[in-house]
Amino acid sequence: MMISVPTTLEQLITAVQQLQPEERAIVAQTMR
């Protein structure tokens, strides 16, 4: 799965909101 690097915080937030709940949990663990 390729994830483009967001250039702004707004784009990052938008991308996270589009994730499925299980994907969001993975991202949360990774960013911790």
C-alpha atoms as a PDB file:
ATOM      1  CA  MET A   1       0.000   0.000   0.000  1.00  0.00           C
ATOM      2  CA  MET A   2       1.552   3.283  -1.109  1.00  0.00           C
ATOM      3  CA  ILE A   3       0.916   6.350   1.012  1.00  0.00           C
ATOM      4  CA  SER A   4       1.800   9.705  -0.498  1.00  0.00           C
ATOM      5  CA  VAL A   5       3.528  12.087   1.893  1.00  0.00           C
ATOM      6  CA  PRO A   6       1.142  14.904   2.789  1.00  0.00           C
ATOM      7  CA  THR A   7       2.592  18.380   2.346  1.00  0.00           C
ATOM      8  CA  THR A   8       0.366  20.054   4.924  1.00  0.00           C
ATOM      9  CA  LEU A   9      -1.183  19.098   8.239  1.00  0.00           C
ATOM     10  CA  GLU A  10      -4.619  19.608   6.703  1.00  0.00           C
ATOM     11  CA  GLN A  11      -3.894  17.016   4.016  1.00  0.00           C
ATOM     12  CA  LEU A  12      -2.621  14.619   6.675  1.00  0.00           C
ATOM     13  CA  ILE A  13      -5.811  15.010   8.717  1.00  0.00           C
ATOM     14  CA  THR A  14      -7.945  14.507   5.609  1.00  0.00           C
ATOM     15  CA  ALA A  15      -6.021  11.352   4.709  1.00  0.00           C
ATOM     16  CA  VAL A  16      -6.424   9.926   8.219  1.00  0.00           C
ATOM     17  CA  GLN A  17     -10.156  10.640   8.191  1.00  0.00           C
ATOM     18  CA  GLN A  18     -10.466   8.610   4.976  1.00  0.00           C
ATOM     19  CA  LEU A  19      -8.810   5.557   6.548  1.00  0.00           C
ATOM     20  CA  GLN A  20     -10.767   2.554   7.731  1.00  0.00           C
ATOM     21  CA  PRO A  21     -10.953   2.203  11.556  1.00  0.00           C
ATOM     22  CA  GLU A  22      -8.468  -0.705  11.613  1.00  0.00           C
ATOM     23  CA  GLU A  23      -6.032   1.261   9.443  1.00  0.00           C
ATOM     24  CA  ARG A  24      -6.397   4.272  11.737  1.00  0.00           C
ATOM     25  CA  ALA A  25      -5.424   2.103  14.719  1.00  0.00           C
ATOM     26  CA  ILE A  26      -2.271   0.980  12.899  1.00  0.00           C
ATOM     27  CA  VAL A  27      -1.361   4.582  12.094  1.00  0.00           C
ATOM     28  CA  ALA A  28      -1.923   5.594  15.713  1.00  0.00           C
ATOM     29  CA  GLN A  29       0.452   2.861  16.903  1.00  0.00           C
ATOM     30  CA  THR A  30       3.072   3.857  14.324  1.00  0.00           C
ATOM     31  CA  MET A  31       3.000   7.561  15.234  1.00  0.00           C
ATOM     32  CA  ARG A  32       3.246   6.913  18.964  1.00  0.00           C
END
